[in-house]
Structure formats: structure tokens, C-alpha cells
Amino acid sequence: MKLLLKILFLLISINIINCQSISKNKVKTEKFKIIKIEGLISVRGSEPFTYLSILTDDNKEYSITGKLTNEIKNKYQNKKIKILGKIRTKTFSSGFAQEIEVVKIIN
């Protein structure tokens, strides 16, 4: 009987710990405004830390993320294009470009 109680206590403890860790890892659903950006596509940085970017006419740089990244890199590198995307970072931080998740290429 004591062994059964110990096993039951252990299972309940494990279940409580798992429930707590799951609730901490919930993903927040955020609403992002979709914006249109026009600029020059280029690969920036040094290997192995490169990233795809778009530089606008007013010298704002955005790091491109999302499902269309490879297509943009392969077809539009060193070309000027228009994209629709969601800004993923709130402000420009020192040395880092804002991230934009591209949802559509408008060319």
C-alpha cells in the first residue's frame, strides 16, 4: 500500500511539473501590421552569419525572414523590389536591422 501511494504521489508530482512548464511556454499571438517596402535586396554579414536584407531609399535596412526568403535570395539579389511584410521587431536597435517577415512579393 505504501509503495502504491509513493508511485501515485510521484505520478501526480510529474504531472504538475509538466503542466507548469507547458503553461510557461505558451506562444503569444501578436497582431502585426502589414506594410509595403521598396528597396535593394542584398546578402549582408560574414559567413556563417549572413542574412538577407532590403535597403530602402531612406537608408532603413530590414532583415528579411519568412517562407519567401530563399526565393527572394535566388531571384532578386542586387535588384530593387517591392514586398509586403510584417515587422517582427518593434524598434531599430544598435547594429541590428529590423526584421520583416515577407508575405508577398509585388513585382
PDB file of N, CA and C in Angstrom:
ATOM      1  N   MET A   1       0.814  -1.195   0.000  1.00  0.00           N
ATOM      2  CA  MET A   1       0.000   0.000   0.000  1.00  0.00           C
ATOM      3  C   MET A   1       0.858   1.260   0.000  1.00  0.00           C
ATOM      4  N   LYS A   2       1.945   1.246   0.817  1.00  0.00           N
ATOM      5  CA  LYS A   2       2.830   2.404   0.860  1.00  0.00           C
ATOM      6  C   LYS A   2       3.513   2.611  -0.490  1.00  0.00           C
ATOM      7  N   LEU A   3       3.875   1.533  -1.137  1.00  0.00           N
ATOM      8  CA  LEU A   3       4.521   1.622  -2.450  1.00  0.00           C
ATOM      9  C   LEU A   3       3.558   2.215  -3.468  1.00  0.00           C
ATOM     10  N   LEU A   4       2.301   1.813  -3.416  1.00  0.00           N
ATOM     11  CA  LEU A   4       1.283   2.357  -4.318  1.00  0.00           C
ATOM     12  C   LEU A   4       1.086   3.854  -4.091  1.00  0.00           C
ATOM     13  N   LEU A   5       1.079   4.283  -2.836  1.00  0.00           N
ATOM     14  CA  LEU A   5       0.942   5.707  -2.513  1.00  0.00           C
ATOM     15  C   LEU A   5       2.153   6.498  -3.005  1.00  0.00           C
ATOM     16  N   LYS A   6       3.338   5.947  -2.865  1.00  0.00           N
ATOM     17  CA  LYS A   6       4.553   6.617  -3.339  1.00  0.00           C
ATOM     18  C   LYS A   6       4.524   6.781  -4.857  1.00  0.00           C
ATOM     19  N   ILE A   7       4.104   5.741  -5.550  1.00  0.00           N
ATOM     20  CA  ILE A   7       4.023   5.798  -7.012  1.00  0.00           C
ATOM     21  C   ILE A   7       2.980   6.821  -7.438  1.00  0.00           C
ATOM     22  N   LEU A   8       1.830   6.820  -6.780  1.00  0.00           N
ATOM     23  CA  LEU A   8       0.779   7.780  -7.076  1.00  0.00           C
ATOM     24  C   LEU A   8       1.254   9.212  -6.826  1.00  0.00           C
ATOM     25  N   PHE A   9       1.939   9.443  -5.723  1.00  0.00           N
ATOM     26  CA  PHE A   9       2.481  10.771  -5.407  1.00  0.00           C
ATOM     27  C   PHE A   9       3.496  11.195  -6.474  1.00  0.00           C
ATOM     28  N   LEU A  10       4.341  10.291  -6.892  1.00  0.00           N
ATOM     29  CA  LEU A  10       5.344  10.580  -7.907  1.00  0.00           C
ATOM     30  C   LEU A  10       4.686  10.943  -9.244  1.00  0.00           C
ATOM     31  N   LEU A  11       3.684  10.202  -9.648  1.00  0.00           N
ATOM     32  CA  LEU A  11       2.985  10.490 -10.901  1.00  0.00           C
ATOM     33  C   LEU A  11       2.272  11.839 -10.861  1.00  0.00           C
ATOM     34  N   ILE A  12       1.649  12.148  -9.727  1.00  0.00           N
ATOM     35  CA  ILE A  12       0.968  13.437  -9.595  1.00  0.00           C
ATOM     36  C   ILE A  12       1.984  14.582  -9.638  1.00  0.00           C
ATOM     37  N   SER A  13       3.121  14.412  -8.985  1.00  0.00           N
ATOM     38  CA  SER A  13       4.168  15.442  -8.989  1.00  0.00           C
ATOM     39  C   SER A  13       4.695  15.681 -10.399  1.00  0.00           C
ATOM     40  N   ILE A  14       4.942  14.622 -11.132  1.00  0.00           N
ATOM     41  CA  ILE A  14       5.431  14.753 -12.511  1.00  0.00           C
ATOM     42  C   ILE A  14       4.391  15.469 -13.372  1.00  0.00           C
ATOM     43  N   ASN A  15       3.127  15.128 -13.194  1.00  0.00           N
ATOM     44  CA  ASN A  15       2.052  15.765 -13.955  1.00  0.00           C
ATOM     45  C   ASN A  15       1.970  17.264 -13.657  1.00  0.00           C
ATOM     46  N   ILE A  16       2.106  17.648 -12.406  1.00  0.00           N
ATOM     47  CA  ILE A  16       2.056  19.064 -12.029  1.00  0.00           C
ATOM     48  C   ILE A  16       3.234  19.815 -12.644  1.00  0.00           C
ATOM     49  N   ILE A  17       4.416  19.242 -12.595  1.00  0.00           N
ATOM     50  CA  ILE A  17       5.604  19.877 -13.178  1.00  0.00           C
ATOM     51  C   ILE A  17       5.428  20.054 -14.680  1.00  0.00           C
ATOM     52  N   ASN A  18       4.912  19.041 -15.368  1.00  0.00           N
ATOM     53  CA  ASN A  18       4.687  19.146 -16.816  1.00  0.00           C
ATOM     54  C   ASN A  18       3.667  20.225 -17.148  1.00  0.00           C
ATOM     55  N   CYS A  19       2.602  20.310 -16.370  1.00  0.00           N
ATOM     56  CA  CYS A  19       1.577  21.335 -16.624  1.00  0.00           C
ATOM     57  C   CYS A  19       2.148  22.734 -16.435  1.00  0.00           C
ATOM     58  N   GLN A  20       3.005  22.926 -15.451  1.00  0.00           N
ATOM     59  CA  GLN A  20       3.610  24.234 -15.220  1.00  0.00           C
ATOM     60  C   GLN A  20       4.535  24.619 -16.364  1.00  0.00           C
ATOM     61  N   SER A  21       5.334  23.687 -16.857  1.00  0.00           N
ATOM     62  CA  SER A  21       6.267  24.016 -17.941  1.00  0.00           C
ATOM     63  C   SER A  21       5.518  24.283 -19.246  1.00  0.00           C
ATOM     64  N   ILE A  22       4.405  23.609 -19.478  1.00  0.00           N
ATOM     65  CA  ILE A  22       3.617  23.851 -20.687  1.00  0.00           C
ATOM     66  C   ILE A  22       2.998  25.238 -20.633  1.00  0.00           C
ATOM     67  N   SER A  23       2.483  25.647 -19.485  1.00  0.00           N
ATOM     68  CA  SER A  23       1.850  26.961 -19.392  1.00  0.00           C
ATOM     69  C   SER A  23       2.864  28.083 -19.555  1.00  0.00           C
ATOM     70  N   LYS A  24       4.114  27.880 -19.176  1.00  0.00           N
ATOM     71  CA  LYS A  24       5.150  28.896 -19.344  1.00  0.00           C
ATOM     72  C   LYS A  24       5.547  29.050 -20.802  1.00  0.00           C
ATOM     73  N   ASN A  25       5.402  28.000 -21.602  1.00  0.00           N
ATOM     74  CA  ASN A  25       5.856  28.012 -22.986  1.00  0.00           C
ATOM     75  C   ASN A  25       4.761  28.357 -23.980  1.00  0.00           C
ATOM     76  N   LYS A  26       3.641  28.887 -23.522  1.00  0.00           N
ATOM     77  CA  LYS A  26       2.570  29.253 -24.441  1.00  0.00           C
ATOM     78  C   LYS A  26       3.041  30.375 -25.358  1.00  0.00           C
ATOM     79  N   VAL A  27       2.723  30.266 -26.613  1.00  0.00           N
ATOM     80  CA  VAL A  27       3.110  31.268 -27.586  1.00  0.00           C
ATOM     81  C   VAL A  27       2.063  32.368 -27.598  1.00  0.00           C
ATOM     82  N   LYS A  28       2.523  33.615 -27.513  1.00  0.00           N
ATOM     83  CA  LYS A  28       1.602  34.737 -27.580  1.00  0.00           C
ATOM     84  C   LYS A  28       1.252  34.985 -29.039  1.00  0.00           C
ATOM     85  N   THR A  29      -0.012  35.173 -29.295  1.00  0.00           N
ATOM     86  CA  THR A  29      -0.418  35.528 -30.654  1.00  0.00           C
ATOM     87  C   THR A  29      -0.436  37.040 -30.741  1.00  0.00           C
ATOM     88  N   GLU A  30       0.426  37.561 -31.594  1.00  0.00           N
ATOM     89  CA  GLU A  30       0.526  39.001 -31.740  1.00  0.00           C
ATOM     90  C   GLU A  30      -0.018  39.413 -33.092  1.00  0.00           C
ATOM     91  N   LYS A  31      -0.588  40.602 -33.137  1.00  0.00           N
ATOM     92  CA  LYS A  31      -1.078  41.144 -34.393  1.00  0.00           C
ATOM     93  C   LYS A  31      -0.018  42.085 -34.943  1.00  0.00           C
ATOM     94  N   PHE A  32       0.368  41.875 -36.186  1.00  0.00           N
ATOM     95  CA  PHE A  32       1.361  42.706 -36.827  1.00  0.00           C
ATOM     96  C   PHE A  32       0.728  43.433 -37.999  1.00  0.00           C
ATOM     97  N   LYS A  33       1.080  44.688 -38.145  1.00  0.00           N
ATOM     98  CA  LYS A  33       0.595  45.475 -39.259  1.00  0.00           C
ATOM     99  C   LYS A  33       1.413  45.127 -40.500  1.00  0.00           C
ATOM    100  N   ILE A  34       0.737  44.881 -41.610  1.00  0.00           N
ATOM    101  CA  ILE A  34       1.426  44.580 -42.865  1.00  0.00           C
ATOM    102  C   ILE A  34       1.755  45.898 -43.554  1.00  0.00           C
ATOM    103  N   ILE A  35       3.040  46.044 -43.936  1.00  0.00           N
ATOM    104  CA  ILE A  35       3.478  47.261 -44.600  1.00  0.00           C
ATOM    105  C   ILE A  35       4.116  46.924 -45.949  1.00  0.00           C
ATOM    106  N   LYS A  36       4.205  47.930 -46.819  1.00  0.00           N
ATOM    107  CA  LYS A  36       4.840  47.762 -48.129  1.00  0.00           C
ATOM    108  C   LYS A  36       6.195  48.465 -48.087  1.00  0.00           C
ATOM    109  N   ILE A  37       7.229  47.765 -48.542  1.00  0.00           N
ATOM    110  CA  ILE A  37       8.582  48.314 -48.567  1.00  0.00           C
ATOM    111  C   ILE A  37       9.156  48.112 -49.957  1.00  0.00           C
ATOM    112  N   GLU A  38       9.870  49.113 -50.449  1.00  0.00           N
ATOM    113  CA  GLU A  38      10.579  49.010 -51.718  1.00  0.00           C
ATOM    114  C   GLU A  38      12.053  49.264 -51.433  1.00  0.00           C
ATOM    115  N   GLY A  39      12.914  48.409 -51.988  1.00  0.00           N
ATOM    116  CA  GLY A  39      14.337  48.609 -51.756  1.00  0.00           C
ATOM    117  C   GLY A  39      15.195  47.601 -52.480  1.00  0.00           C
ATOM    118  N   LEU A  40      16.503  47.719 -52.240  1.00  0.00           N
ATOM    119  CA  LEU A  40      17.508  46.876 -52.875  1.00  0.00           C
ATOM    120  C   LEU A  40      17.780  45.646 -52.007  1.00  0.00           C
ATOM    121  N   ILE A  41      17.721  44.472 -52.617  1.00  0.00           N
ATOM    122  CA  ILE A  41      17.949  43.203 -51.910  1.00  0.00           C
ATOM    123  C   ILE A  41      19.442  42.878 -51.931  1.00  0.00           C
ATOM    124  N   SER A  42      19.989  42.495 -50.773  1.00  0.00           N
ATOM    125  CA  SER A  42      21.392  42.074 -50.719  1.00  0.00           C
ATOM    126  C   SER A  42      21.602  41.110 -49.559  1.00  0.00           C
ATOM    127  N   VAL A  43      22.681  40.342 -49.642  1.00  0.00           N
ATOM    128  CA  VAL A  43      23.078  39.453 -48.555  1.00  0.00           C
ATOM    129  C   VAL A  43      24.123  40.201 -47.753  1.00  0.00           C
ATOM    130  N   ARG A  44      23.928  40.309 -46.458  1.00  0.00           N
ATOM    131  CA  ARG A  44      24.817  41.074 -45.592  1.00  0.00           C
ATOM    132  C   ARG A  44      25.488  40.158 -44.585  1.00  0.00           C
ATOM    133  N   GLY A  45      26.568  40.632 -43.995  1.00  0.00           N
ATOM    134  CA  GLY A  45      27.265  39.895 -42.954  1.00  0.00           C
ATOM    135  C   GLY A  45      28.393  39.051 -43.506  1.00  0.00           C
ATOM    136  N   SER A  46      29.042  38.311 -42.614  1.00  0.00           N
ATOM    137  CA  SER A  46      30.149  37.425 -42.969  1.00  0.00           C
ATOM    138  C   SER A  46      29.753  35.988 -42.668  1.00  0.00           C
ATOM    139  N   GLU A  47      30.202  35.064 -43.515  1.00  0.00           N
ATOM    140  CA  GLU A  47      29.903  33.654 -43.287  1.00  0.00           C
ATOM    141  C   GLU A  47      30.430  33.246 -41.934  1.00  0.00           C
ATOM    142  N   PRO A  48      29.766  32.468 -41.174  1.00  0.00           N
ATOM    143  CA  PRO A  48      28.477  31.813 -41.408  1.00  0.00           C
ATOM    144  C   PRO A  48      27.295  32.629 -40.892  1.00  0.00           C
ATOM    145  N   PHE A  49      27.481  33.911 -40.637  1.00  0.00           N
ATOM    146  CA  PHE A  49      26.438  34.746 -40.046  1.00  0.00           C
ATOM    147  C   PHE A  49      25.869  35.742 -41.060  1.00  0.00           C
ATOM    148  N   THR A  50      25.423  35.251 -42.195  1.00  0.00           N
ATOM    149  CA  THR A  50      24.849  36.132 -43.210  1.00  0.00           C
ATOM    150  C   THR A  50      23.335  36.219 -43.051  1.00  0.00           C
ATOM    151  N   TYR A  51      22.766  37.281 -43.596  1.00  0.00           N
ATOM    152  CA  TYR A  51      21.315  37.429 -43.601  1.00  0.00           C
ATOM    153  C   TYR A  51      20.913  38.212 -44.845  1.00  0.00           C
ATOM    154  N   LEU A  52      19.701  37.988 -45.280  1.00  0.00           N
ATOM    155  CA  LEU A  52      19.158  38.672 -46.439  1.00  0.00           C
ATOM    156  C   LEU A  52      18.530  39.978 -45.972  1.00  0.00           C
ATOM    157  N   SER A  53      18.805  41.067 -46.687  1.00  0.00           N
ATOM    158  CA  SER A  53      18.265  42.357 -46.257  1.00  0.00           C
ATOM    159  C   SER A  53      17.703  43.138 -47.426  1.00  0.00           C
ATOM    160  N   ILE A  54      16.883  44.122 -47.085  1.00  0.00           N
ATOM    161  CA  ILE A  54      16.363  45.070 -48.058  1.00  0.00           C
ATOM    162  C   ILE A  54      16.700  46.459 -47.524  1.00  0.00           C
ATOM    163  N   LEU A  55      17.317  47.282 -48.382  1.00  0.00           N
ATOM    164  CA  LEU A  55      17.710  48.634 -48.022  1.00  0.00           C
ATOM    165  C   LEU A  55      16.828  49.612 -48.785  1.00  0.00           C
ATOM    166  N   THR A  56      16.087  50.438 -48.055  1.00  0.00           N
ATOM    167  CA  THR A  56      15.157  51.373 -48.689  1.00  0.00           C
ATOM    168  C   THR A  56      15.891  52.631 -49.139  1.00  0.00           C
ATOM    169  N   ASP A  57      15.198  53.479 -49.906  1.00  0.00           N
ATOM    170  CA  ASP A  57      15.788  54.725 -50.404  1.00  0.00           C
ATOM    171  C   ASP A  57      16.147  55.687 -49.276  1.00  0.00           C
ATOM    172  N   ASP A  58      15.438  55.588 -48.135  1.00  0.00           N
ATOM    173  CA  ASP A  58      15.759  56.457 -46.996  1.00  0.00           C
ATOM    174  C   ASP A  58      16.733  55.787 -46.021  1.00  0.00           C
ATOM    175  N   ASN A  59      17.501  54.800 -46.522  1.00  0.00           N
ATOM    176  CA  ASN A  59      18.577  54.106 -45.791  1.00  0.00           C
ATOM    177  C   ASN A  59      18.113  53.338 -44.555  1.00  0.00           C
ATOM    178  N   LYS A  60      16.888  52.843 -44.549  1.00  0.00           N
ATOM    179  CA  LYS A  60      16.444  51.927 -43.500  1.00  0.00           C
ATOM    180  C   LYS A  60      16.701  50.511 -44.004  1.00  0.00           C
ATOM    181  N   GLU A  61      17.301  49.714 -43.149  1.00  0.00           N
ATOM    182  CA  GLU A  61      17.607  48.334 -43.523  1.00  0.00           C
ATOM    183  C   GLU A  61      16.726  47.390 -42.724  1.00  0.00           C
ATOM    184  N   TYR A  62      16.185  46.391 -43.417  1.00  0.00           N
ATOM    185  CA  TYR A  62      15.348  45.379 -42.793  1.00  0.00           C
ATOM    186  C   TYR A  62      15.937  44.001 -43.097  1.00  0.00           C
ATOM    187  N   SER A  63      16.007  43.155 -42.095  1.00  0.00           N
ATOM    188  CA  SER A  63      16.420  41.770 -42.272  1.00  0.00           C
ATOM    189  C   SER A  63      15.200  40.967 -42.695  1.00  0.00           C
ATOM    190  N   ILE A  64      15.319  40.241 -43.812  1.00  0.00           N
ATOM    191  CA  ILE A  64      14.175  39.516 -44.381  1.00  0.00           C
ATOM    192  C   ILE A  64      14.087  38.117 -43.786  1.00  0.00           C
ATOM    193  N   THR A  65      12.879  37.762 -43.323  1.00  0.00           N
ATOM    194  CA  THR A  65      12.614  36.419 -42.808  1.00  0.00           C
ATOM    195  C   THR A  65      11.344  35.892 -43.463  1.00  0.00           C
ATOM    196  N   GLY A  66      11.044  34.643 -43.219  1.00  0.00           N
ATOM    197  CA  GLY A  66       9.801  34.055 -43.713  1.00  0.00           C
ATOM    198  C   GLY A  66      10.018  33.039 -44.817  1.00  0.00           C
ATOM    199  N   LYS A  67       8.906  32.516 -45.297  1.00  0.00           N
ATOM    200  CA  LYS A  67       8.922  31.439 -46.289  1.00  0.00           C
ATOM    201  C   LYS A  67       9.471  31.871 -47.635  1.00  0.00           C
ATOM    202  N   LEU A  68       9.399  33.153 -47.962  1.00  0.00           N
ATOM    203  CA  LEU A  68       9.826  33.633 -49.280  1.00  0.00           C
ATOM    204  C   LEU A  68      11.300  34.041 -49.323  1.00  0.00           C
ATOM    205  N   THR A  69      12.024  33.848 -48.227  1.00  0.00           N
ATOM    206  CA  THR A  69      13.421  34.284 -48.150  1.00  0.00           C
ATOM    207  C   THR A  69      14.280  33.663 -49.243  1.00  0.00           C
ATOM    208  N   ASN A  70      14.194  32.349 -49.433  1.00  0.00           N
ATOM    209  CA  ASN A  70      15.031  31.691 -50.447  1.00  0.00           C
ATOM    210  C   ASN A  70      14.686  32.155 -51.855  1.00  0.00           C
ATOM    211  N   GLU A  71      13.412  32.325 -52.142  1.00  0.00           N
ATOM    212  CA  GLU A  71      13.003  32.794 -53.463  1.00  0.00           C
ATOM    213  C   GLU A  71      13.554  34.202 -53.727  1.00  0.00           C
ATOM    214  N   ILE A  72      13.453  35.066 -52.729  1.00  0.00           N
ATOM    215  CA  ILE A  72      13.967  36.431 -52.882  1.00  0.00           C
ATOM    216  C   ILE A  72      15.480  36.405 -53.080  1.00  0.00           C
ATOM    217  N   LYS A  73      16.168  35.589 -52.303  1.00  0.00           N
ATOM    218  CA  LYS A  73      17.632  35.496 -52.405  1.00  0.00           C
ATOM    219  C   LYS A  73      18.054  35.003 -53.783  1.00  0.00           C
ATOM    220  N   ASN A  74      17.350  34.015 -54.304  1.00  0.00           N
ATOM    221  CA  ASN A  74      17.743  33.420 -55.588  1.00  0.00           C
ATOM    222  C   ASN A  74      17.351  34.262 -56.798  1.00  0.00           C
ATOM    223  N   LYS A  75      16.209  34.937 -56.753  1.00  0.00           N
ATOM    224  CA  LYS A  75      15.709  35.650 -57.934  1.00  0.00           C
ATOM    225  C   LYS A  75      15.978  37.150 -57.932  1.00  0.00           C
ATOM    226  N   TYR A  76      16.091  37.770 -56.754  1.00  0.00           N
ATOM    227  CA  TYR A  76      16.082  39.228 -56.698  1.00  0.00           C
ATOM    228  C   TYR A  76      17.328  39.842 -56.060  1.00  0.00           C
ATOM    229  N   GLN A  77      18.372  39.063 -55.819  1.00  0.00           N
ATOM    230  CA  GLN A  77      19.569  39.612 -55.194  1.00  0.00           C
ATOM    231  C   GLN A  77      20.161  40.722 -56.069  1.00  0.00           C
ATOM    232  N   ASN A  78      20.520  41.834 -55.459  1.00  0.00           N
ATOM    233  CA  ASN A  78      21.061  43.031 -56.124  1.00  0.00           C
ATOM    234  C   ASN A  78      20.056  43.676 -57.071  1.00  0.00           C
ATOM    235  N   LYS A  79      18.764  43.465 -56.816  1.00  0.00           N
ATOM    236  CA  LYS A  79      17.696  44.097 -57.598  1.00  0.00           C
ATOM    237  C   LYS A  79      16.774  44.851 -56.650  1.00  0.00           C
ATOM    238  N   LYS A  80      16.091  45.835 -57.198  1.00  0.00           N
ATOM    239  CA  LYS A  80      15.140  46.611 -56.417  1.00  0.00           C
ATOM    240  C   LYS A  80      13.759  45.975 -56.568  1.00  0.00           C
ATOM    241  N   ILE A  81      13.100  45.680 -55.431  1.00  0.00           N
ATOM    242  CA  ILE A  81      11.768  45.073 -55.472  1.00  0.00           C
ATOM    243  C   ILE A  81      10.867  45.713 -54.421  1.00  0.00           C
ATOM    244  N   LYS A  82       9.577  45.420 -54.535  1.00  0.00           N
ATOM    245  CA  LYS A  82       8.584  45.823 -53.539  1.00  0.00           C
ATOM    246  C   LYS A  82       8.080  44.565 -52.859  1.00  0.00           C
ATOM    247  N   ILE A  83       7.929  44.635 -51.538  1.00  0.00           N
ATOM    248  CA  ILE A  83       7.427  43.496 -50.772  1.00  0.00           C
ATOM    249  C   ILE A  83       6.363  43.962 -49.786  1.00  0.00           C
ATOM    250  N   LEU A  84       5.505  43.040 -49.410  1.00  0.00           N
ATOM    251  CA  LEU A  84       4.575  43.240 -48.295  1.00  0.00           C
ATOM    252  C   LEU A  84       5.068  42.366 -47.156  1.00  0.00           C
ATOM    253  N   GLY A  85       5.083  42.912 -45.957  1.00  0.00           N
ATOM    254  CA  GLY A  85       5.571  42.115 -44.854  1.00  0.00           C
ATOM    255  C   GLY A  85       5.134  42.627 -43.498  1.00  0.00           C
ATOM    256  N   LYS A  86       5.425  41.810 -42.484  1.00  0.00           N
ATOM    257  CA  LYS A  86       5.096  42.120 -41.096  1.00  0.00           C
ATOM    258  C   LYS A  86       6.391  42.430 -40.352  1.00  0.00           C
ATOM    259  N   ILE A  87       6.457  43.592 -39.710  1.00  0.00           N
ATOM    260  CA  ILE A  87       7.627  43.951 -38.907  1.00  0.00           C
ATOM    261  C   ILE A  87       7.617  43.084 -37.651  1.00  0.00           C
ATOM    262  N   ARG A  88       8.721  42.381 -37.403  1.00  0.00           N
ATOM    263  CA  ARG A  88       8.798  41.459 -36.265  1.00  0.00           C
ATOM    264  C   ARG A  88       9.519  42.038 -35.057  1.00  0.00           C
ATOM    265  N   THR A  89      10.261  43.130 -35.244  1.00  0.00           N
ATOM    266  CA  THR A  89      10.903  43.786 -34.113  1.00  0.00           C
ATOM    267  C   THR A  89      10.335  45.189 -34.000  1.00  0.00           C
ATOM    268  N   LYS A  90      10.201  45.675 -32.784  1.00  0.00           N
ATOM    269  CA  LYS A  90       9.486  46.930 -32.569  1.00  0.00           C
ATOM    270  C   LYS A  90      10.308  48.165 -32.915  1.00  0.00           C
ATOM    271  N   THR A  91      11.587  48.187 -32.582  1.00  0.00           N
ATOM    272  CA  THR A  91      12.395  49.377 -32.832  1.00  0.00           C
ATOM    273  C   THR A  91      13.734  48.988 -33.436  1.00  0.00           C
ATOM    274  N   PHE A  92      14.383  49.957 -34.043  1.00  0.00           N
ATOM    275  CA  PHE A  92      15.740  49.730 -34.527  1.00  0.00           C
ATOM    276  C   PHE A  92      16.660  49.693 -33.307  1.00  0.00           C
ATOM    277  N   SER A  93      17.437  48.627 -33.193  1.00  0.00           N
ATOM    278  CA  SER A  93      18.392  48.560 -32.102  1.00  0.00           C
ATOM    279  C   SER A  93      19.791  48.743 -32.677  1.00  0.00           C
ATOM    280  N   SER A  94      20.688  49.153 -31.881  1.00  0.00           N
ATOM    281  CA  SER A  94      22.035  49.487 -32.318  1.00  0.00           C
ATOM    282  C   SER A  94      22.703  48.307 -33.022  1.00  0.00           C
ATOM    283  N   GLY A  95      23.035  48.493 -34.286  1.00  0.00           N
ATOM    284  CA  GLY A  95      23.762  47.472 -35.028  1.00  0.00           C
ATOM    285  C   GLY A  95      22.910  46.381 -35.640  1.00  0.00           C
ATOM    286  N   PHE A  96      21.621  46.364 -35.369  1.00  0.00           N
ATOM    287  CA  PHE A  96      20.767  45.318 -35.893  1.00  0.00           C
ATOM    288  C   PHE A  96      19.624  45.906 -36.708  1.00  0.00           C
ATOM    289  N   ALA A  97      19.342  45.271 -37.818  1.00  0.00           N
ATOM    290  CA  ALA A  97      18.231  45.713 -38.668  1.00  0.00           C
ATOM    291  C   ALA A  97      16.917  45.179 -38.115  1.00  0.00           C
ATOM    292  N   GLN A  98      15.840  45.902 -38.370  1.00  0.00           N
ATOM    293  CA  GLN A  98      14.525  45.390 -38.016  1.00  0.00           C
ATOM    294  C   GLN A  98      14.240  44.173 -38.874  1.00  0.00           C
ATOM    295  N   GLU A  99      13.521  43.210 -38.314  1.00  0.00           N
ATOM    296  CA  GLU A  99      13.145  42.022 -39.087  1.00  0.00           C
ATOM    297  C   GLU A  99      11.786  42.233 -39.720  1.00  0.00           C
ATOM    298  N   ILE A 100      11.685  41.822 -40.981  1.00  0.00           N
ATOM    299  CA  ILE A 100      10.406  41.853 -41.667  1.00  0.00           C
ATOM    300  C   ILE A 100      10.139  40.463 -42.219  1.00  0.00           C
ATOM    301  N   GLU A 101       8.981  39.917 -41.889  1.00  0.00           N
ATOM    302  CA  GLU A 101       8.569  38.629 -42.439  1.00  0.00           C
ATOM    303  C   GLU A 101       7.783  38.904 -43.719  1.00  0.00           C
ATOM    304  N   VAL A 102       8.367  38.523 -44.843  1.00  0.00           N
ATOM    305  CA  VAL A 102       7.753  38.809 -46.133  1.00  0.00           C
ATOM    306  C   VAL A 102       6.562  37.885 -46.362  1.00  0.00           C
ATOM    307  N   VAL A 103       5.411  38.489 -46.718  1.00  0.00           N
ATOM    308  CA  VAL A 103       4.219  37.704 -47.008  1.00  0.00           C
ATOM    309  C   VAL A 103       3.892  37.693 -48.487  1.00  0.00           C
ATOM    310  N   LYS A 104       4.418  38.702 -49.245  1.00  0.00           N
ATOM    311  CA  LYS A 104       4.148  38.760 -50.673  1.00  0.00           C
ATOM    312  C   LYS A 104       5.207  39.597 -51.379  1.00  0.00           C
ATOM    313  N   ILE A 105       5.573  39.154 -52.575  1.00  0.00           N
ATOM    314  CA  ILE A 105       6.471  39.919 -53.439  1.00  0.00           C
ATOM    315  C   ILE A 105       5.594  40.626 -54.461  1.00  0.00           C
ATOM    316  N   ILE A 106       5.786  41.951 -54.610  1.00  0.00           N
ATOM    317  CA  ILE A 106       4.932  42.740 -55.515  1.00  0.00           C
ATOM    318  C   ILE A 106       5.747  43.167 -56.730  1.00  0.00           C
ATOM    319  N   ASN A 107       6.217  42.335 -57.535  1.00  0.00           N
ATOM    320  CA  ASN A 107       6.981  42.766 -58.720  1.00  0.00           C
ATOM    321  C   ASN A 107       6.351  42.284 -59.979  1.00  0.00           C
TER     322      ASN A 107
END
